[in-house]
Amino acid sequence: LGAQLDTELVACLQGYAQEKIRAVVLKAVTNKNNVWSAGHDINELPVGQRDPLGYFDHLEELLHAIQTFPAPVIAQVHGSVWGGACDLIMCCDLVVADETATFAMTPAKLGLPYNASGLMHFLNRMHLDHVRELFFTAQPISAETAKEWGIVNHLAKEAELEAKVDQLVAVILNNSQL
């Protein structure tokens, strides 16, 4: 999640809002490493022990665009999700993952503090004890644990992930546009 990609995604969401798109699915190209996203590009983080994500950081702008999008934003997760990408997942309305998904909040490994608004994204979705464990340990949790903790709405088999998301989108689109 670097400046270029984040800016492009914000522009896409703005265009989709103007077109009155009724649901957006965020997914990654499947790769042999099974990585959905490694998070914020650490080469773009400011140096020093301060909150690395200022209000106008490109990732913060993307998270805000997701949160304010006028229709459901669904994360379709295949593979690992780390750091800032976990924050992105927390901002989505729904998360559908397969058994390859893992989730890790890694700023503690890098000695980075995390901003209050980012912590709130997690607290709005998870129990405080689980947020603490995710942040303090910086260890990945499985898709099954993520489902138990409230990060994931639906867990699908790897071969059925896309069909599960398509089915969910179809249900959403079958509802009133209002």
C-alpha atoms as a PDB file:
ATOM      1  CA  LEU A   1       0.000   0.000   0.000  1.00  0.00           C
ATOM      2  CA  GLY A   2       2.102   2.797  -1.346  1.00  0.00           C
ATOM      3  CA  ALA A   3       1.195   6.334  -2.312  1.00  0.00           C
ATOM      4  CA  GLN A   4       0.534   5.508  -5.967  1.00  0.00           C
ATOM      5  CA  LEU A   5      -1.761   2.545  -5.307  1.00  0.00           C
ATOM      6  CA  ASP A   6      -3.609   4.268  -2.465  1.00  0.00           C
ATOM      7  CA  THR A   7      -4.192   7.380  -4.584  1.00  0.00           C
ATOM      8  CA  GLU A   8      -5.460   5.260  -7.488  1.00  0.00           C
ATOM      9  CA  LEU A   9      -7.844   3.358  -5.201  1.00  0.00           C
ATOM     10  CA  VAL A  10      -9.219   6.612  -3.768  1.00  0.00           C
ATOM     11  CA  ALA A  11      -9.796   7.909  -7.311  1.00  0.00           C
ATOM     12  CA  CYS A  12     -11.556   4.644  -8.242  1.00  0.00           C
ATOM     13  CA  LEU A  13     -13.832   4.852  -5.201  1.00  0.00           C
ATOM     14  CA  GLN A  14     -14.666   8.468  -6.009  1.00  0.00           C
ATOM     15  CA  GLY A  15     -15.521   7.486  -9.586  1.00  0.00           C
ATOM     16  CA  TYR A  16     -17.604   4.534  -8.392  1.00  0.00           C
ATOM     17  CA  ALA A  17     -19.515   6.820  -6.032  1.00  0.00           C
ATOM     18  CA  GLN A  18     -20.321   9.187  -8.908  1.00  0.00           C
ATOM     19  CA  GLU A  19     -21.481   6.218 -10.987  1.00  0.00           C
ATOM     20  CA  LYS A  20     -23.613   5.074  -8.035  1.00  0.00           C
ATOM     21  CA  ILE A  21     -21.940   1.656  -7.940  1.00  0.00           C
ATOM     22  CA  ARG A  22     -23.830  -0.370  -5.333  1.00  0.00           C
ATOM     23  CA  ALA A  23     -21.031  -2.605  -4.045  1.00  0.00           C
ATOM     24  CA  VAL A  24     -17.241  -2.704  -4.319  1.00  0.00           C
ATOM     25  CA  VAL A  25     -15.071  -5.782  -3.841  1.00  0.00           C
ATOM     26  CA  LEU A  26     -11.429  -5.269  -2.891  1.00  0.00           C
ATOM     27  CA  LYS A  27      -9.266  -8.248  -3.748  1.00  0.00           C
ATOM     28  CA  ALA A  28      -5.683  -8.945  -4.661  1.00  0.00           C
ATOM     29  CA  VAL A  29      -4.222 -10.804  -7.570  1.00  0.00           C
ATOM     30  CA  THR A  30      -3.593 -14.355  -6.418  1.00  0.00           C
ATOM     31  CA  ASN A  31       0.111 -15.025  -6.218  1.00  0.00           C
ATOM     32  CA  LYS A  32       2.303 -17.955  -5.269  1.00  0.00           C
ATOM     33  CA  ASN A  33       3.220 -16.296  -1.950  1.00  0.00           C
ATOM     34  CA  ASN A  34      -0.416 -16.109  -0.798  1.00  0.00           C
ATOM     35  CA  VAL A  35      -0.104 -12.459   0.237  1.00  0.00           C
ATOM     36  CA  TRP A  36      -3.237 -10.316   0.047  1.00  0.00           C
ATOM     37  CA  SER A  37      -1.266  -7.273   1.160  1.00  0.00           C
ATOM     38  CA  ALA A  38       1.919  -6.701   3.142  1.00  0.00           C
ATOM     39  CA  GLY A  39       0.517  -3.363   4.356  1.00  0.00           C
ATOM     40  CA  HIS A  40       1.873   0.166   4.197  1.00  0.00           C
ATOM     41  CA  ASP A  41       5.055   0.573   2.172  1.00  0.00           C
ATOM     42  CA  ILE A  42       7.579   0.945   5.001  1.00  0.00           C
ATOM     43  CA  ASN A  43       9.913   2.859   2.683  1.00  0.00           C
ATOM     44  CA  GLU A  44       7.308   5.643   2.676  1.00  0.00           C
ATOM     45  CA  LEU A  45       6.984   5.889   6.461  1.00  0.00           C
ATOM     46  CA  PRO A  46       8.536   8.904   8.184  1.00  0.00           C
ATOM     47  CA  VAL A  47      11.543   8.250  10.414  1.00  0.00           C
ATOM     48  CA  GLY A  48      11.476   8.802  14.158  1.00  0.00           C
ATOM     49  CA  GLN A  49       9.284   7.410  16.869  1.00  0.00           C
ATOM     50  CA  ARG A  50       6.109   9.268  16.076  1.00  0.00           C
ATOM     51  CA  ASP A  51       2.771   8.305  14.638  1.00  0.00           C
ATOM     52  CA  PRO A  52       3.701   7.310  11.108  1.00  0.00           C
ATOM     53  CA  LEU A  53       0.229   7.900   9.676  1.00  0.00           C
ATOM     54  CA  GLY A  54      -0.673  11.553   9.743  1.00  0.00           C
ATOM     55  CA  TYR A  55      -4.178  12.726   8.910  1.00  0.00           C
ATOM     56  CA  PHE A  56      -3.286  13.346   5.264  1.00  0.00           C
ATOM     57  CA  ASP A  57      -1.177  10.222   4.749  1.00  0.00           C
ATOM     58  CA  HIS A  58      -2.206   8.421   1.570  1.00  0.00           C
ATOM     59  CA  LEU A  59      -3.243   5.297   3.509  1.00  0.00           C
ATOM     60  CA  GLU A  60      -5.367   7.380   5.876  1.00  0.00           C
ATOM     61  CA  GLU A  61      -7.066   8.983   2.866  1.00  0.00           C
ATOM     62  CA  LEU A  62      -7.787   5.525   1.427  1.00  0.00           C
ATOM     63  CA  LEU A  63      -9.232   4.305   4.739  1.00  0.00           C
ATOM     64  CA  HIS A  64     -11.456   7.377   4.909  1.00  0.00           C
ATOM     65  CA  ALA A  65     -12.599   6.804   1.296  1.00  0.00           C
ATOM     66  CA  ILE A  66     -13.559   3.230   2.167  1.00  0.00           C
ATOM     67  CA  GLN A  67     -15.391   4.263   5.332  1.00  0.00           C
ATOM     68  CA  THR A  68     -17.370   6.997   3.599  1.00  0.00           C
ATOM     69  CA  PHE A  69     -18.150   5.114   0.391  1.00  0.00           C
ATOM     70  CA  PRO A  70     -21.948   5.236  -0.027  1.00  0.00           C
ATOM     71  CA  ALA A  71     -22.298   1.482  -0.678  1.00  0.00           C
ATOM     72  CA  PRO A  72     -20.864  -1.666   0.896  1.00  0.00           C
ATOM     73  CA  VAL A  73     -17.135  -2.265   0.460  1.00  0.00           C
ATOM     74  CA  ILE A  74     -16.267  -5.957   0.721  1.00  0.00           C
ATOM     75  CA  ALA A  75     -12.768  -7.333   1.225  1.00  0.00           C
ATOM     76  CA  GLN A  76     -12.221 -10.669  -0.527  1.00  0.00           C
ATOM     77  CA  VAL A  77      -9.177 -12.083   1.266  1.00  0.00           C
ATOM     78  CA  HIS A  78      -6.951 -14.866   0.003  1.00  0.00           C
ATOM     79  CA  GLY A  79      -3.584 -14.970   1.765  1.00  0.00           C
ATOM     80  CA  SER A  80      -1.865 -12.952   4.459  1.00  0.00           C
ATOM     81  CA  VAL A  81      -2.844  -9.449   5.528  1.00  0.00           C
ATOM     82  CA  TRP A  82      -0.282  -7.430   7.487  1.00  0.00           C
ATOM     83  CA  GLY A  83      -0.032  -4.042   9.175  1.00  0.00           C
ATOM     84  CA  GLY A  84      -1.801  -1.223   7.377  1.00  0.00           C
ATOM     85  CA  ALA A  85      -3.673  -3.752   5.238  1.00  0.00           C
ATOM     86  CA  CYS A  86      -5.258  -5.075   8.444  1.00  0.00           C
ATOM     87  CA  ASP A  87      -6.412  -1.527   9.152  1.00  0.00           C
ATOM     88  CA  LEU A  88      -7.861  -1.403   5.634  1.00  0.00           C
ATOM     89  CA  ILE A  89      -9.749  -4.667   6.270  1.00  0.00           C
ATOM     90  CA  MET A  90     -11.189  -3.186   9.470  1.00  0.00           C
ATOM     91  CA  CYS A  91     -12.577  -0.248   7.481  1.00  0.00           C
ATOM     92  CA  CYS A  92     -14.408  -2.474   5.013  1.00  0.00           C
ATOM     93  CA  ASP A  93     -18.079  -3.165   5.623  1.00  0.00           C
ATOM     94  CA  LEU A  94     -17.712  -6.915   5.134  1.00  0.00           C
ATOM     95  CA  VAL A  95     -14.770  -9.308   5.012  1.00  0.00           C
ATOM     96  CA  VAL A  96     -14.927 -12.682   3.287  1.00  0.00           C
ATOM     97  CA  ALA A  97     -11.812 -14.832   3.614  1.00  0.00           C
ATOM     98  CA  ASP A  98     -10.666 -18.315   2.756  1.00  0.00           C
ATOM     99  CA  GLU A  99      -8.598 -20.692   4.877  1.00  0.00           C
ATOM    100  CA  THR A 100      -5.304 -19.288   3.490  1.00  0.00           C
ATOM    101  CA  ALA A 101      -5.980 -15.923   5.146  1.00  0.00           C
ATOM    102  CA  THR A 102      -3.914 -14.789   8.098  1.00  0.00           C
ATOM    103  CA  PHE A 103      -3.971 -11.414   9.787  1.00  0.00           C
ATOM    104  CA  ALA A 104      -1.128  -9.677  11.653  1.00  0.00           C
ATOM    105  CA  MET A 105      -0.740  -6.169  13.062  1.00  0.00           C
ATOM    106  CA  THR A 106       3.021  -5.695  12.783  1.00  0.00           C
ATOM    107  CA  PRO A 107       3.927  -2.130  13.913  1.00  0.00           C
ATOM    108  CA  ALA A 108       5.330  -3.520  17.207  1.00  0.00           C
ATOM    109  CA  LYS A 109       7.913  -5.492  15.206  1.00  0.00           C
ATOM    110  CA  LEU A 110       9.071  -2.231  13.637  1.00  0.00           C
ATOM    111  CA  GLY A 111       8.939  -0.186  16.839  1.00  0.00           C
ATOM    112  CA  LEU A 112       6.171   2.016  15.448  1.00  0.00           C
ATOM    113  CA  PRO A 113       3.338   3.548  17.441  1.00  0.00           C
ATOM    114  CA  TYR A 114      -0.156   3.317  15.983  1.00  0.00           C
ATOM    115  CA  ASN A 115      -2.577   6.200  15.675  1.00  0.00           C
ATOM    116  CA  ALA A 116      -5.771   6.512  17.707  1.00  0.00           C
ATOM    117  CA  SER A 117      -8.060   6.479  14.675  1.00  0.00           C
ATOM    118  CA  GLY A 118      -6.452   3.229  13.502  1.00  0.00           C
ATOM    119  CA  LEU A 119      -6.949   1.666  16.926  1.00  0.00           C
ATOM    120  CA  MET A 120     -10.593   2.721  16.789  1.00  0.00           C
ATOM    121  CA  HIS A 121     -11.034   0.844  13.504  1.00  0.00           C
ATOM    122  CA  PHE A 122     -10.069  -2.326  15.365  1.00  0.00           C
ATOM    123  CA  LEU A 123     -12.085  -1.523  18.491  1.00  0.00           C
ATOM    124  CA  ASN A 124     -15.181  -0.929  16.374  1.00  0.00           C
ATOM    125  CA  ARG A 125     -14.924  -4.491  15.077  1.00  0.00           C
ATOM    126  CA  MET A 126     -13.281  -6.539  17.824  1.00  0.00           C
ATOM    127  CA  HIS A 127     -13.185  -7.035  21.570  1.00  0.00           C
ATOM    128  CA  LEU A 128     -10.493  -5.013  23.385  1.00  0.00           C
ATOM    129  CA  ASP A 129      -8.675  -8.150  24.584  1.00  0.00           C
ATOM    130  CA  HIS A 130      -8.300  -9.372  21.002  1.00  0.00           C
ATOM    131  CA  VAL A 131      -7.100  -5.955  19.809  1.00  0.00           C
ATOM    132  CA  ARG A 132      -4.464  -5.973  22.545  1.00  0.00           C
ATOM    133  CA  GLU A 133      -3.260  -9.441  21.590  1.00  0.00           C
ATOM    134  CA  LEU A 134      -3.106  -8.564  17.894  1.00  0.00           C
ATOM    135  CA  PHE A 135      -1.087  -5.376  18.533  1.00  0.00           C
ATOM    136  CA  PHE A 136       1.102  -6.526  21.437  1.00  0.00           C
ATOM    137  CA  THR A 137       2.205  -9.839  19.924  1.00  0.00           C
ATOM    138  CA  ALA A 138       2.370  -8.812  16.240  1.00  0.00           C
ATOM    139  CA  GLN A 139       1.755 -12.502  15.528  1.00  0.00           C
ATOM    140  CA  PRO A 140      -0.473 -13.688  12.700  1.00  0.00           C
ATOM    141  CA  ILE A 141      -3.839 -15.198  13.503  1.00  0.00           C
ATOM    142  CA  SER A 142      -5.577 -17.768  11.338  1.00  0.00           C
ATOM    143  CA  ALA A 143      -8.687 -17.183   9.273  1.00  0.00           C
ATOM    144  CA  GLU A 144     -10.671 -19.264  11.745  1.00  0.00           C
ATOM    145  CA  THR A 145      -9.480 -17.153  14.690  1.00  0.00           C
ATOM    146  CA  ALA A 146     -10.204 -13.990  12.691  1.00  0.00           C
ATOM    147  CA  LYS A 147     -13.759 -15.247  12.195  1.00  0.00           C
ATOM    148  CA  GLU A 148     -14.118 -15.949  15.929  1.00  0.00           C
ATOM    149  CA  TRP A 149     -12.734 -12.495  16.786  1.00  0.00           C
ATOM    150  CA  GLY A 150     -15.098 -10.649  14.426  1.00  0.00           C
ATOM    151  CA  ILE A 151     -12.592  -9.612  11.779  1.00  0.00           C
ATOM    152  CA  VAL A 152     -14.074 -11.932   9.149  1.00  0.00           C
ATOM    153  CA  ASN A 153     -17.804 -12.071   8.394  1.00  0.00           C
ATOM    154  CA  HIS A 154     -17.717 -15.189   6.232  1.00  0.00           C
ATOM    155  CA  LEU A 155     -15.140 -17.942   5.925  1.00  0.00           C
ATOM    156  CA  ALA A 156     -15.079 -19.944   2.691  1.00  0.00           C
ATOM    157  CA  LYS A 157     -13.031 -22.753   1.259  1.00  0.00           C
ATOM    158  CA  GLU A 158     -10.282 -21.484  -1.039  1.00  0.00           C
ATOM    159  CA  ALA A 159     -11.981 -22.846  -4.180  1.00  0.00           C
ATOM    160  CA  GLU A 160     -15.308 -21.273  -3.159  1.00  0.00           C
ATOM    161  CA  LEU A 161     -14.123 -17.803  -2.094  1.00  0.00           C
ATOM    162  CA  GLU A 162     -15.025 -15.897  -5.241  1.00  0.00           C
ATOM    163  CA  ALA A 163     -18.407 -17.647  -5.530  1.00  0.00           C
ATOM    164  CA  LYS A 164     -19.165 -16.779  -1.895  1.00  0.00           C
ATOM    165  CA  VAL A 165     -18.372 -13.111  -2.525  1.00  0.00           C
ATOM    166  CA  ASP A 166     -20.394 -13.107  -5.747  1.00  0.00           C
ATOM    167  CA  GLN A 167     -23.334 -14.608  -3.855  1.00  0.00           C
ATOM    168  CA  LEU A 168     -23.072 -11.935  -1.160  1.00  0.00           C
ATOM    169  CA  VAL A 169     -22.912  -9.148  -3.757  1.00  0.00           C
ATOM    170  CA  ALA A 170     -25.944 -10.608  -5.546  1.00  0.00           C
ATOM    171  CA  VAL A 171     -27.945 -10.511  -2.300  1.00  0.00           C
ATOM    172  CA  ILE A 172     -26.894  -6.893  -1.736  1.00  0.00           C
ATOM    173  CA  LEU A 173     -27.772  -5.876  -5.297  1.00  0.00           C
ATOM    174  CA  ASN A 174     -31.151  -7.574  -4.983  1.00  0.00           C
ATOM    175  CA  ASN A 175     -32.092  -5.116  -2.217  1.00  0.00           C
ATOM    176  CA  SER A 176     -33.538  -1.691  -2.834  1.00  0.00           C
ATOM    177  CA  GLN A 177     -31.172   0.936  -4.188  1.00  0.00           C
ATOM    178  CA  LEU A 178     -32.305   3.217  -1.408  1.00  0.00           C
END
